Amino acid sequence: MIKQKIGGRNVNTVSASGSVADMTALGSILEGELTFYELKFEGGTSANPSVLNAKKFSVGKKYLSGQRKSASVSIPHVKPTKSFAEIQTAVIGQFDESFDSLTKCEYSNLFYDKKEA
């Protein structure tokens, strides 16, 4: 796996497997700062939970003019014991308000929750 940073921001994770030479060749065509990770295992039913606790939410900031800037965040699995209030506590003031801003968000809203549906 290759983590790619452009302009100091995490841009992409490239999932690829191959020999060291293959990964080096792939890295030579990618732009930015690259970090290579060795694949240890891919998981399976014993490594993955039987039910994923996926969360999708927005983070953003509302300005005095009424304008809002926001971004959506998807997390494939959070600990089953964690509530959305705990997620909000972790992200508000820590996450950026949007993808093109360094201003921290001041709110977070849940998009959907399978447990509540």
N, C-alpha and C. Protein backbone atom coordinates (compact mmCIF):
# COMPACT_ATOMS: atom_id res chain seq x y z
N MET A 1 0.84 -1.16 0.00
CA MET A 1 0.00 0.00 0.00
C MET A 1 0.90 1.23 0.00
N ILE A 2 0.44 2.27 -0.67
CA ILE A 2 1.20 3.51 -0.77
C ILE A 2 0.33 4.65 -0.27
N LYS A 3 0.84 5.44 0.68
CA LYS A 3 0.17 6.65 1.14
C LYS A 3 0.80 7.82 0.39
N GLN A 4 -0.03 8.63 -0.26
CA GLN A 4 0.45 9.73 -1.09
C GLN A 4 0.05 11.05 -0.46
N LYS A 5 1.03 11.96 -0.28
CA LYS A 5 0.77 13.31 0.25
C LYS A 5 1.16 14.32 -0.81
N ILE A 6 0.26 15.25 -1.07
CA ILE A 6 0.56 16.34 -2.01
C ILE A 6 0.30 17.64 -1.27
N GLY A 7 1.27 18.51 -1.23
CA GLY A 7 1.12 19.78 -0.54
C GLY A 7 0.91 19.63 0.96
N GLY A 8 1.47 18.59 1.56
CA GLY A 8 1.36 18.39 2.99
C GLY A 8 0.06 17.77 3.47
N ARG A 9 -0.85 17.43 2.55
CA ARG A 9 -2.14 16.85 2.92
C ARG A 9 -2.22 15.42 2.40
N ASN A 10 -2.83 14.53 3.19
CA ASN A 10 -3.06 13.17 2.72
C ASN A 10 -4.07 13.23 1.59
N VAL A 11 -3.65 12.78 0.43
CA VAL A 11 -4.52 12.85 -0.73
C VAL A 11 -5.12 11.50 -1.05
N ASN A 12 -4.31 10.45 -1.01
CA ASN A 12 -4.81 9.18 -1.49
C ASN A 12 -4.05 8.03 -0.85
N THR A 13 -4.72 6.91 -0.76
CA THR A 13 -4.09 5.66 -0.40
C THR A 13 -4.24 4.75 -1.60
N VAL A 14 -3.12 4.30 -2.13
CA VAL A 14 -3.13 3.44 -3.31
C VAL A 14 -2.98 2.00 -2.84
N SER A 15 -3.98 1.19 -3.09
CA SER A 15 -3.91 -0.23 -2.73
C SER A 15 -3.31 -0.99 -3.90
N ALA A 16 -2.12 -1.48 -3.72
CA ALA A 16 -1.43 -2.23 -4.77
C ALA A 16 -0.54 -3.26 -4.10
N SER A 17 -0.39 -4.40 -4.75
CA SER A 17 0.54 -5.40 -4.23
C SER A 17 1.40 -5.88 -5.37
N GLY A 18 2.64 -6.15 -5.08
CA GLY A 18 3.58 -6.61 -6.08
C GLY A 18 4.96 -6.70 -5.49
N SER A 19 5.92 -6.96 -6.35
CA SER A 19 7.30 -7.05 -5.88
C SER A 19 7.81 -5.65 -5.53
N VAL A 20 8.96 -5.60 -4.88
CA VAL A 20 9.57 -4.32 -4.53
C VAL A 20 9.82 -3.51 -5.80
N ALA A 21 10.27 -4.18 -6.87
CA ALA A 21 10.52 -3.49 -8.14
C ALA A 21 9.23 -2.91 -8.71
N ASP A 22 8.13 -3.68 -8.61
CA ASP A 22 6.83 -3.19 -9.11
C ASP A 22 6.38 -1.96 -8.32
N MET A 23 6.51 -2.02 -7.02
CA MET A 23 6.08 -0.90 -6.18
C MET A 23 6.95 0.33 -6.42
N THR A 24 8.25 0.13 -6.63
CA THR A 24 9.16 1.23 -6.93
C THR A 24 8.79 1.87 -8.26
N ALA A 25 8.46 1.04 -9.25
CA ALA A 25 8.06 1.55 -10.56
C ALA A 25 6.76 2.35 -10.45
N LEU A 26 5.82 1.85 -9.68
CA LEU A 26 4.56 2.57 -9.47
C LEU A 26 4.82 3.89 -8.76
N GLY A 27 5.68 3.86 -7.75
CA GLY A 27 6.01 5.08 -7.01
C GLY A 27 6.67 6.14 -7.87
N SER A 28 7.39 5.72 -8.91
CA SER A 28 8.09 6.69 -9.76
C SER A 28 7.13 7.53 -10.59
N ILE A 29 5.89 7.09 -10.77
CA ILE A 29 4.94 7.88 -11.57
C ILE A 29 3.96 8.67 -10.70
N LEU A 30 3.98 8.44 -9.39
CA LEU A 30 3.08 9.16 -8.49
C LEU A 30 3.72 10.47 -8.03
N GLU A 31 2.90 11.49 -7.90
CA GLU A 31 3.38 12.80 -7.48
C GLU A 31 3.33 12.93 -5.96
N GLY A 32 4.19 13.77 -5.41
CA GLY A 32 4.16 14.10 -4.00
C GLY A 32 5.04 13.20 -3.16
N GLU A 33 4.87 13.33 -1.84
CA GLU A 33 5.63 12.52 -0.88
C GLU A 33 4.93 11.17 -0.73
N LEU A 34 5.68 10.09 -0.86
CA LEU A 34 5.11 8.75 -0.81
C LEU A 34 5.64 7.98 0.39
N THR A 35 4.78 7.21 1.03
CA THR A 35 5.16 6.31 2.10
C THR A 35 4.68 4.92 1.71
N PHE A 36 5.58 3.95 1.71
CA PHE A 36 5.25 2.59 1.32
C PHE A 36 5.01 1.74 2.57
N TYR A 37 3.95 0.95 2.55
CA TYR A 37 3.62 0.04 3.66
C TYR A 37 3.62 -1.39 3.14
N GLU A 38 4.14 -2.29 3.95
CA GLU A 38 4.17 -3.70 3.58
C GLU A 38 2.84 -4.35 4.00
N LEU A 39 2.25 -5.11 3.09
CA LEU A 39 1.01 -5.81 3.38
C LEU A 39 1.29 -7.02 4.26
N LYS A 40 0.72 -7.03 5.45
CA LYS A 40 0.93 -8.15 6.38
C LYS A 40 -0.13 -9.22 6.20
N PHE A 41 -1.40 -8.81 6.11
CA PHE A 41 -2.49 -9.75 5.87
C PHE A 41 -3.69 -8.95 5.39
N GLU A 42 -4.67 -9.61 4.85
CA GLU A 42 -5.84 -8.93 4.32
C GLU A 42 -7.08 -9.11 5.17
N GLY A 43 -6.95 -9.78 6.28
CA GLY A 43 -8.10 -9.92 7.17
C GLY A 43 -8.85 -11.21 6.93
N GLY A 44 -10.12 -11.11 6.79
CA GLY A 44 -10.98 -12.28 6.67
C GLY A 44 -12.02 -12.24 7.78
N THR A 45 -12.81 -13.29 7.87
CA THR A 45 -13.90 -13.27 8.85
C THR A 45 -13.40 -13.25 10.29
N SER A 46 -12.23 -13.83 10.54
CA SER A 46 -11.73 -13.81 11.92
C SER A 46 -11.15 -12.45 12.30
N ALA A 47 -10.71 -11.67 11.31
CA ALA A 47 -10.11 -10.37 11.59
C ALA A 47 -11.14 -9.24 11.56
N ASN A 48 -12.22 -9.42 10.83
CA ASN A 48 -13.23 -8.38 10.69
C ASN A 48 -14.46 -8.70 11.53
N PRO A 49 -15.10 -7.67 12.09
CA PRO A 49 -16.32 -7.92 12.86
C PRO A 49 -17.44 -8.43 11.95
N SER A 50 -18.37 -9.18 12.51
CA SER A 50 -19.46 -9.72 11.70
C SER A 50 -20.41 -8.62 11.23
N VAL A 51 -20.58 -7.58 12.03
CA VAL A 51 -21.43 -6.46 11.66
C VAL A 51 -20.59 -5.19 11.75
N LEU A 52 -20.52 -4.46 10.64
CA LEU A 52 -19.76 -3.21 10.64
C LEU A 52 -20.62 -2.10 11.21
N ASN A 53 -20.03 -1.28 12.03
CA ASN A 53 -20.70 -0.15 12.66
C ASN A 53 -20.27 1.11 11.92
N ALA A 54 -20.75 1.26 10.68
CA ALA A 54 -20.35 2.37 9.82
C ALA A 54 -21.03 3.66 10.27
N LYS A 55 -20.31 4.76 10.16
CA LYS A 55 -20.85 6.08 10.47
C LYS A 55 -20.50 7.02 9.33
N LYS A 56 -21.48 7.83 8.92
CA LYS A 56 -21.24 8.87 7.91
C LYS A 56 -21.81 10.16 8.48
N PHE A 57 -20.99 11.20 8.49
CA PHE A 57 -21.42 12.45 9.08
C PHE A 57 -20.77 13.62 8.37
N SER A 58 -21.32 14.80 8.59
CA SER A 58 -20.74 16.01 8.02
C SER A 58 -20.05 16.79 9.13
N VAL A 59 -19.04 17.54 8.74
CA VAL A 59 -18.38 18.48 9.63
C VAL A 59 -18.35 19.82 8.91
N GLY A 60 -18.45 20.90 9.63
CA GLY A 60 -18.44 22.19 8.95
C GLY A 60 -18.47 23.36 9.91
N LYS A 61 -18.62 24.53 9.31
CA LYS A 61 -18.67 25.77 10.07
C LYS A 61 -19.67 26.71 9.41
N LYS A 62 -20.46 27.40 10.23
CA LYS A 62 -21.41 28.39 9.72
C LYS A 62 -20.85 29.78 10.04
N TYR A 63 -20.80 30.63 9.02
CA TYR A 63 -20.26 31.97 9.18
C TYR A 63 -21.38 32.97 9.47
N LEU A 64 -21.02 34.16 9.96
CA LEU A 64 -22.00 35.20 10.29
C LEU A 64 -22.84 35.59 9.09
N SER A 65 -22.28 35.48 7.88
CA SER A 65 -23.02 35.82 6.66
C SER A 65 -24.08 34.77 6.32
N GLY A 66 -24.11 33.66 7.06
CA GLY A 66 -25.05 32.59 6.78
C GLY A 66 -24.47 31.50 5.90
N GLN A 67 -23.30 31.77 5.34
CA GLN A 67 -22.64 30.78 4.49
C GLN A 67 -22.13 29.62 5.34
N ARG A 68 -22.20 28.43 4.78
CA ARG A 68 -21.66 27.24 5.45
C ARG A 68 -20.61 26.60 4.56
N LYS A 69 -19.57 26.09 5.19
CA LYS A 69 -18.58 25.26 4.49
C LYS A 69 -18.56 23.93 5.21
N SER A 70 -18.63 22.85 4.45
CA SER A 70 -18.68 21.54 5.11
C SER A 70 -18.07 20.46 4.23
N ALA A 71 -17.87 19.32 4.84
CA ALA A 71 -17.36 18.13 4.15
C ALA A 71 -18.00 16.92 4.80
N SER A 72 -18.10 15.84 4.03
CA SER A 72 -18.65 14.61 4.62
C SER A 72 -17.51 13.65 4.94
N VAL A 73 -17.71 12.87 5.99
CA VAL A 73 -16.72 11.92 6.46
C VAL A 73 -17.40 10.56 6.59
N SER A 74 -16.77 9.52 6.07
CA SER A 74 -17.28 8.16 6.21
C SER A 74 -16.25 7.33 6.97
N ILE A 75 -16.70 6.67 8.01
CA ILE A 75 -15.84 5.77 8.78
C ILE A 75 -16.45 4.38 8.64
N PRO A 76 -15.71 3.42 8.08
CA PRO A 76 -16.28 2.10 7.82
C PRO A 76 -16.68 1.33 9.08
N HIS A 77 -15.98 1.55 10.19
CA HIS A 77 -16.33 0.83 11.42
C HIS A 77 -15.79 1.57 12.63
N VAL A 78 -16.68 1.85 13.57
CA VAL A 78 -16.26 2.40 14.85
C VAL A 78 -16.58 1.37 15.93
N LYS A 79 -15.96 1.51 17.07
CA LYS A 79 -16.20 0.57 18.16
C LYS A 79 -17.70 0.56 18.49
N PRO A 80 -18.28 -0.63 18.67
CA PRO A 80 -19.71 -0.71 18.96
C PRO A 80 -20.12 0.04 20.22
N THR A 81 -19.20 0.24 21.14
CA THR A 81 -19.53 0.93 22.39
C THR A 81 -19.51 2.45 22.25
N LYS A 82 -19.06 2.98 21.12
CA LYS A 82 -18.97 4.43 20.94
C LYS A 82 -20.28 5.00 20.41
N SER A 83 -20.72 6.09 21.01
CA SER A 83 -21.93 6.78 20.56
C SER A 83 -21.54 7.93 19.64
N PHE A 84 -22.54 8.48 18.93
CA PHE A 84 -22.23 9.61 18.05
C PHE A 84 -21.79 10.83 18.85
N ALA A 85 -22.28 10.98 20.07
CA ALA A 85 -21.85 12.10 20.92
C ALA A 85 -20.35 12.03 21.18
N GLU A 86 -19.82 10.82 21.36
CA GLU A 86 -18.38 10.66 21.56
C GLU A 86 -17.60 10.96 20.28
N ILE A 87 -18.18 10.61 19.14
CA ILE A 87 -17.54 10.94 17.86
C ILE A 87 -17.51 12.45 17.69
N GLN A 88 -18.63 13.13 18.00
CA GLN A 88 -18.67 14.59 17.90
C GLN A 88 -17.61 15.22 18.78
N THR A 89 -17.47 14.75 19.99
CA THR A 89 -16.46 15.28 20.91
C THR A 89 -15.07 15.13 20.31
N ALA A 90 -14.83 14.03 19.62
CA ALA A 90 -13.51 13.78 19.03
C ALA A 90 -13.23 14.64 17.80
N VAL A 91 -14.27 14.98 17.01
CA VAL A 91 -14.01 15.66 15.74
C VAL A 91 -14.23 17.17 15.77
N ILE A 92 -15.17 17.67 16.58
CA ILE A 92 -15.44 19.11 16.59
C ILE A 92 -14.22 19.84 17.13
N GLY A 93 -13.74 20.79 16.36
CA GLY A 93 -12.55 21.55 16.72
C GLY A 93 -11.26 20.87 16.31
N GLN A 94 -11.34 19.64 15.83
CA GLN A 94 -10.14 18.90 15.41
C GLN A 94 -10.09 18.73 13.89
N PHE A 95 -11.23 18.44 13.26
CA PHE A 95 -11.28 18.24 11.81
C PHE A 95 -11.41 19.59 11.12
N ASP A 96 -10.90 19.69 9.89
CA ASP A 96 -11.05 20.90 9.08
C ASP A 96 -12.51 21.03 8.64
N GLU A 97 -12.96 22.27 8.42
CA GLU A 97 -14.35 22.51 8.04
C GLU A 97 -14.68 22.02 6.64
N SER A 98 -13.69 21.97 5.75
CA SER A 98 -13.90 21.49 4.39
C SER A 98 -12.57 21.02 3.83
N PHE A 99 -12.63 20.46 2.63
CA PHE A 99 -11.42 19.90 2.03
C PHE A 99 -10.43 20.97 1.59
N ASP A 100 -10.89 22.21 1.37
CA ASP A 100 -10.00 23.26 0.89
C ASP A 100 -9.73 24.33 1.94
N SER A 101 -9.85 23.99 3.20
CA SER A 101 -9.68 24.97 4.27
C SER A 101 -8.93 24.34 5.44
N LEU A 102 -8.21 25.18 6.16
CA LEU A 102 -7.53 24.72 7.37
C LEU A 102 -8.26 25.15 8.64
N THR A 103 -9.40 25.87 8.47
CA THR A 103 -10.21 26.30 9.60
C THR A 103 -10.90 25.08 10.21
N LYS A 104 -10.89 24.99 11.52
CA LYS A 104 -11.47 23.83 12.21
C LYS A 104 -13.00 23.91 12.23
N CYS A 105 -13.64 22.76 12.20
CA CYS A 105 -15.10 22.71 12.18
C CYS A 105 -15.68 23.06 13.55
N GLU A 106 -16.94 23.51 13.54
CA GLU A 106 -17.62 23.83 14.79
C GLU A 106 -18.89 23.00 14.99
N TYR A 107 -19.26 22.19 13.99
CA TYR A 107 -20.41 21.30 14.17
C TYR A 107 -20.19 20.00 13.41
N SER A 108 -20.97 19.00 13.79
CA SER A 108 -20.96 17.71 13.11
C SER A 108 -22.37 17.13 13.18
N ASN A 109 -22.87 16.65 12.03
CA ASN A 109 -24.21 16.07 11.97
C ASN A 109 -24.15 14.67 11.39
N LEU A 110 -24.88 13.76 11.99
CA LEU A 110 -24.94 12.38 11.53
C LEU A 110 -25.83 12.28 10.30
N PHE A 111 -25.37 11.60 9.25
CA PHE A 111 -26.18 11.41 8.04
C PHE A 111 -27.20 10.30 8.23
N TYR A 112 -26.76 9.16 8.67
CA TYR A 112 -27.66 8.03 8.89
C TYR A 112 -27.03 7.10 9.90
N ASP A 113 -27.85 6.28 10.49
CA ASP A 113 -27.36 5.29 11.44
C ASP A 113 -28.25 4.07 11.32
N LYS A 114 -27.66 2.94 10.96
CA LYS A 114 -28.45 1.72 10.75
C LYS A 114 -29.18 1.30 12.02
N LYS A 115 -28.62 1.59 13.19
CA LYS A 115 -29.27 1.21 14.44
C LYS A 115 -30.55 2.02 14.67
N GLU A 116 -30.58 3.26 14.19
CA GLU A 116 -31.74 4.12 14.40
C GLU A 116 -32.79 3.93 13.31
N ALA A 117 -32.41 3.37 12.16
CA ALA A 117 -33.34 3.24 11.03
C ALA A 117 -34.34 2.13 11.27
